[in-house]
Amino acid sequence: MATPAEVFPPQLGTDVDESVQPISARPSVDADGVWAQQRWISRTLYWGIHAACVLVFVVGVSTGDLVLLAATFWARLFGITGGYHRYFSHKTYKTSRVFQFVLAWLGASSVQKGPLWWAANHRLHHRKSDQPGDPHSPNDGFWYSHTGWIFDGRWDVTRVDLIEDFNQYPELRWLNRWHIVPPVVLALLCLWIGGWSGGVWGFLVSTTLLWHSTYTINSLAHRMGRRRYPTHDDSRNSLLLALLTWGEGWHNNHHFFQGSTRQGFFWWEIDITYYVLRSLQAVGLVWDMREPPQALINDPKRRIQAAS
């Protein structure tokens, strides 16, 4: 029977020797442009968007506002789960160069920086999961893994050496540098559609909710839930987190088989991102979606039962 390493090769970018040059010693690179030097801008925007959510008490709310909130939240959630994560970080399926850019734009509109930065850090997370060098392990505390790591200068620069496969595309390099453009376009679109209330609900509130929903995978998915597979980290499966993040909560499954498009391995494990990708495959936008081998999934010798 094949081992996980035989079924899925080592994660892309994991053959880099960290001892050659410590992360903290690496200089800023052009991949990040001016943003690598202007941390105060990122902090001001991040906390400013949080604070601006109180404007809901000024503008009120309408049915249209809630529809816009749901649309911008779910569309961008897929940009993170189906785009930044399952495509750019793990290459679990294939798509065209045009739709690749659409996924990158959608992910960038979530205000979680560019696709190269995001995917490179995520690949590093899998290589160092819950060990020293993991960008956002809950072993460093809930606050750090949920939000604090974003402001840690060690992770500011895009690790181009870990994302060379996608760094070859000039449009992705441009978007990684100017990741602020998609959020600005979205904010203006929300204002155009719904006025001031549309901007508040469709962009400010939606963005804040999206941030903390996706961040739960860093902070809670290694603490809350059950472990089915004996991975070398504390990743866990949680139905609640899976519902909140469209399937990302089946985190122990994912850490056991990083190369699988489907993270809910069994029929009862709801994985909405996977269902959306299957729909996109049906119309020819994506293809070659990777599945975990059933023999390995069901092998009782590879399974554990550990309560949270």
Foldseek 3Di string as FASTA:
>chain_A
DDALCRVPPQFFQLVDDCVVDPLVRDDADCLAPPCLVCLVVLVCVVVVLVVLLVCCVVPPDDPVLVVLLVVLQVQLLLLVLVQLAQPQQQNQWFFDPVVNVVSQLSPLLLVPAGSQLSNLLVSQCLSQPPHPRNLAACVVPLCRNLPVSVSPSSSSHRPCSRRVVVVVDPSRSVCRNVSVVSNVVQLVVLCVVPNPSSSSRNRSVSSVLNSRLVSCCRRPQLPAAKAWFDAPGSGHADLVSCVSSQHCRLPNQCSSNVSASHSQQDPPRGHRSSVVVVVCVVVPRIGNRHHDDPVVVPPNVRTDTDHD
